[in-house]
């Protein structure tokens, strides 16, 4: 754990039946690997839930939306009904502050 400074991830969105919550699993793994920060793409519609969830993991995790954009998702799977869809996406940054963690242990 904590083997790299920064992790960048583009997890599955985790909003389709069968993969619900997989984006949170990716984030947890990324945070375990990172010493200082994680950057991760997520559907904007899940923003409030993500911020609340990550913040609940401890005071050493500081969450910020650093960019908002649209992803053009082409029809790639049988369950895709349209040729392409624009999805509102946030790039979030989680800064890991070891000082906060040390204060909790004192």
C-alpha atoms as a PDB file:
ATOM      1  CA  UNK A   1       0.000   0.000   0.000  1.00  0.00           C
ATOM      2  CA  UNK A   2       0.983   3.638  -0.505  1.00  0.00           C
ATOM      3  CA  UNK A   3       3.399   2.591  -3.246  1.00  0.00           C
ATOM      4  CA  UNK A   4       2.949   5.574  -5.607  1.00  0.00           C
ATOM      5  CA  UNK A   5       2.426   9.297  -5.155  1.00  0.00           C
ATOM      6  CA  UNK A   6      -0.640   9.754  -7.377  1.00  0.00           C
ATOM      7  CA  UNK A   7      -3.203   7.402  -8.906  1.00  0.00           C
ATOM      8  CA  UNK A   8      -5.368   8.291 -11.927  1.00  0.00           C
ATOM      9  CA  UNK A   9      -8.376   6.065 -12.579  1.00  0.00           C
ATOM     10  CA  UNK A  10     -11.352   5.869 -14.921  1.00  0.00           C
ATOM     11  CA  UNK A  11     -13.513   3.233 -13.228  1.00  0.00           C
ATOM     12  CA  UNK A  12     -16.741   1.777 -14.592  1.00  0.00           C
ATOM     13  CA  UNK A  13     -19.500   4.141 -13.480  1.00  0.00           C
ATOM     14  CA  UNK A  14     -21.105   1.561 -11.197  1.00  0.00           C
ATOM     15  CA  UNK A  15     -24.661   2.612 -11.981  1.00  0.00           C
ATOM     16  CA  UNK A  16     -25.723  -0.393 -14.094  1.00  0.00           C
ATOM     17  CA  UNK A  17     -27.322  -3.428 -12.440  1.00  0.00           C
ATOM     18  CA  UNK A  18     -24.637  -6.041 -11.874  1.00  0.00           C
ATOM     19  CA  UNK A  19     -21.812  -3.567 -11.284  1.00  0.00           C
ATOM     20  CA  UNK A  20     -23.399  -1.238  -8.726  1.00  0.00           C
ATOM     21  CA  UNK A  21     -20.747   0.281  -6.475  1.00  0.00           C
ATOM     22  CA  UNK A  22     -17.755  -0.886  -8.510  1.00  0.00           C
ATOM     23  CA  UNK A  23     -16.586   2.729  -8.817  1.00  0.00           C
ATOM     24  CA  UNK A  24     -16.275   2.855  -5.009  1.00  0.00           C
ATOM     25  CA  UNK A  25     -14.186  -0.336  -5.070  1.00  0.00           C
ATOM     26  CA  UNK A  26     -11.837   1.277  -7.601  1.00  0.00           C
ATOM     27  CA  UNK A  27     -11.562   4.396  -5.422  1.00  0.00           C
ATOM     28  CA  UNK A  28     -10.788   2.400  -2.272  1.00  0.00           C
ATOM     29  CA  UNK A  29      -8.013   0.546  -4.093  1.00  0.00           C
ATOM     30  CA  UNK A  30      -6.629   3.756  -5.600  1.00  0.00           C
ATOM     31  CA  UNK A  31      -6.530   5.401  -2.168  1.00  0.00           C
ATOM     32  CA  UNK A  32      -4.674   2.402  -0.713  1.00  0.00           C
ATOM     33  CA  UNK A  33      -2.074   2.698  -3.486  1.00  0.00           C
ATOM     34  CA  UNK A  34      -1.583   6.479  -3.362  1.00  0.00           C
ATOM     35  CA  UNK A  35       0.565   8.425  -0.918  1.00  0.00           C
ATOM     36  CA  UNK A  36      -0.676  11.918  -1.803  1.00  0.00           C
ATOM     37  CA  UNK A  37      -3.619  12.011  -4.214  1.00  0.00           C
ATOM     38  CA  UNK A  38      -6.103  10.231  -6.432  1.00  0.00           C
ATOM     39  CA  UNK A  39      -7.771  11.585  -9.570  1.00  0.00           C
ATOM     40  CA  UNK A  40     -10.854   9.710 -10.732  1.00  0.00           C
ATOM     41  CA  UNK A  41     -13.671  10.152 -13.287  1.00  0.00           C
ATOM     42  CA  UNK A  42     -17.286   9.672 -12.127  1.00  0.00           C
ATOM     43  CA  UNK A  43     -20.788  10.448 -13.362  1.00  0.00           C
ATOM     44  CA  UNK A  44     -21.742  13.919 -12.174  1.00  0.00           C
ATOM     45  CA  UNK A  45     -25.067  12.552 -10.938  1.00  0.00           C
ATOM     46  CA  UNK A  46     -23.159  10.621  -8.234  1.00  0.00           C
ATOM     47  CA  UNK A  47     -21.130  13.649  -7.028  1.00  0.00           C
ATOM     48  CA  UNK A  48     -22.882  14.226  -3.685  1.00  0.00           C
ATOM     49  CA  UNK A  49     -22.841  10.520  -2.835  1.00  0.00           C
ATOM     50  CA  UNK A  50     -19.123  10.217  -3.685  1.00  0.00           C
ATOM     51  CA  UNK A  51     -18.126  13.260  -1.634  1.00  0.00           C
ATOM     52  CA  UNK A  52     -20.139  12.033   1.361  1.00  0.00           C
ATOM     53  CA  UNK A  53     -18.772   8.477   1.065  1.00  0.00           C
ATOM     54  CA  UNK A  54     -15.108   9.457   0.689  1.00  0.00           C
ATOM     55  CA  UNK A  55     -15.377  12.016   3.495  1.00  0.00           C
ATOM     56  CA  UNK A  56     -16.791   9.300   5.768  1.00  0.00           C
ATOM     57  CA  UNK A  57     -13.569   7.288   5.332  1.00  0.00           C
ATOM     58  CA  UNK A  58     -11.684   9.752   7.528  1.00  0.00           C
ATOM     59  CA  UNK A  59     -10.584  13.352   7.984  1.00  0.00           C
ATOM     60  CA  UNK A  60      -7.356  12.719   6.059  1.00  0.00           C
ATOM     61  CA  UNK A  61      -9.314  12.537   2.759  1.00  0.00           C
ATOM     62  CA  UNK A  62     -10.123  15.887   1.141  1.00  0.00           C
ATOM     63  CA  UNK A  63     -12.398  15.679  -1.921  1.00  0.00           C
ATOM     64  CA  UNK A  64     -12.713  18.284  -4.658  1.00  0.00           C
ATOM     65  CA  UNK A  65     -14.307  18.347  -8.106  1.00  0.00           C
ATOM     66  CA  UNK A  66     -11.522  19.741 -10.293  1.00  0.00           C
ATOM     67  CA  UNK A  67     -13.248  19.507 -13.705  1.00  0.00           C
ATOM     68  CA  UNK A  68     -16.661  18.924 -15.218  1.00  0.00           C
ATOM     69  CA  UNK A  69     -16.970  17.558 -18.743  1.00  0.00           C
ATOM     70  CA  UNK A  70     -18.983  15.394 -21.091  1.00  0.00           C
ATOM     71  CA  UNK A  71     -17.862  11.930 -22.153  1.00  0.00           C
ATOM     72  CA  UNK A  72     -19.142  10.802 -25.534  1.00  0.00           C
ATOM     73  CA  UNK A  73     -19.875   7.110 -24.979  1.00  0.00           C
ATOM     74  CA  UNK A  74     -20.292   5.217 -28.278  1.00  0.00           C
ATOM     75  CA  UNK A  75     -22.535   2.166 -28.581  1.00  0.00           C
ATOM     76  CA  UNK A  76     -20.198  -0.679 -27.583  1.00  0.00           C
ATOM     77  CA  UNK A  77     -22.398  -3.226 -25.804  1.00  0.00           C
ATOM     78  CA  UNK A  78     -25.709  -4.960 -26.509  1.00  0.00           C
ATOM     79  CA  UNK A  79     -27.375  -3.101 -23.646  1.00  0.00           C
ATOM     80  CA  UNK A  80     -26.526   0.274 -25.257  1.00  0.00           C
ATOM     81  CA  UNK A  81     -29.680   1.501 -26.975  1.00  0.00           C
ATOM     82  CA  UNK A  82     -28.356   4.621 -28.736  1.00  0.00           C
ATOM     83  CA  UNK A  83     -25.440   5.078 -31.156  1.00  0.00           C
ATOM     84  CA  UNK A  84     -23.747   7.389 -28.671  1.00  0.00           C
ATOM     85  CA  UNK A  85     -24.609   9.266 -25.473  1.00  0.00           C
ATOM     86  CA  UNK A  86     -23.045  12.314 -23.852  1.00  0.00           C
ATOM     87  CA  UNK A  87     -22.577  11.655 -20.139  1.00  0.00           C
ATOM     88  CA  UNK A  88     -21.873  14.440 -17.640  1.00  0.00           C
ATOM     89  CA  UNK A  89     -18.686  13.490 -15.809  1.00  0.00           C
ATOM     90  CA  UNK A  90     -16.673  14.946 -12.923  1.00  0.00           C
ATOM     91  CA  UNK A  91     -12.956  14.597 -12.434  1.00  0.00           C
ATOM     92  CA  UNK A  92     -12.541  14.385  -8.684  1.00  0.00           C
ATOM     93  CA  UNK A  93      -9.355  14.761  -6.708  1.00  0.00           C
ATOM     94  CA  UNK A  94      -8.860  13.126  -3.345  1.00  0.00           C
ATOM     95  CA  UNK A  95      -5.934  14.611  -1.438  1.00  0.00           C
ATOM     96  CA  UNK A  96      -4.559  12.365   1.288  1.00  0.00           C
ATOM     97  CA  UNK A  97      -3.314  14.368   4.246  1.00  0.00           C
ATOM     98  CA  UNK A  98      -1.176  12.142   6.483  1.00  0.00           C
ATOM     99  CA  UNK A  99      -1.033  14.913   9.112  1.00  0.00           C
ATOM    100  CA  UNK A 100      -4.772  14.462   9.796  1.00  0.00           C
ATOM    101  CA  UNK A 101      -4.287  10.726  10.138  1.00  0.00           C
ATOM    102  CA  UNK A 102      -1.374  11.190  12.595  1.00  0.00           C
ATOM    103  CA  UNK A 103      -3.467  13.553  14.741  1.00  0.00           C
ATOM    104  CA  UNK A 104      -6.237  10.927  15.023  1.00  0.00           C
ATOM    105  CA  UNK A 105      -3.753   8.310  16.229  1.00  0.00           C
ATOM    106  CA  UNK A 106      -2.253  10.606  18.916  1.00  0.00           C
END
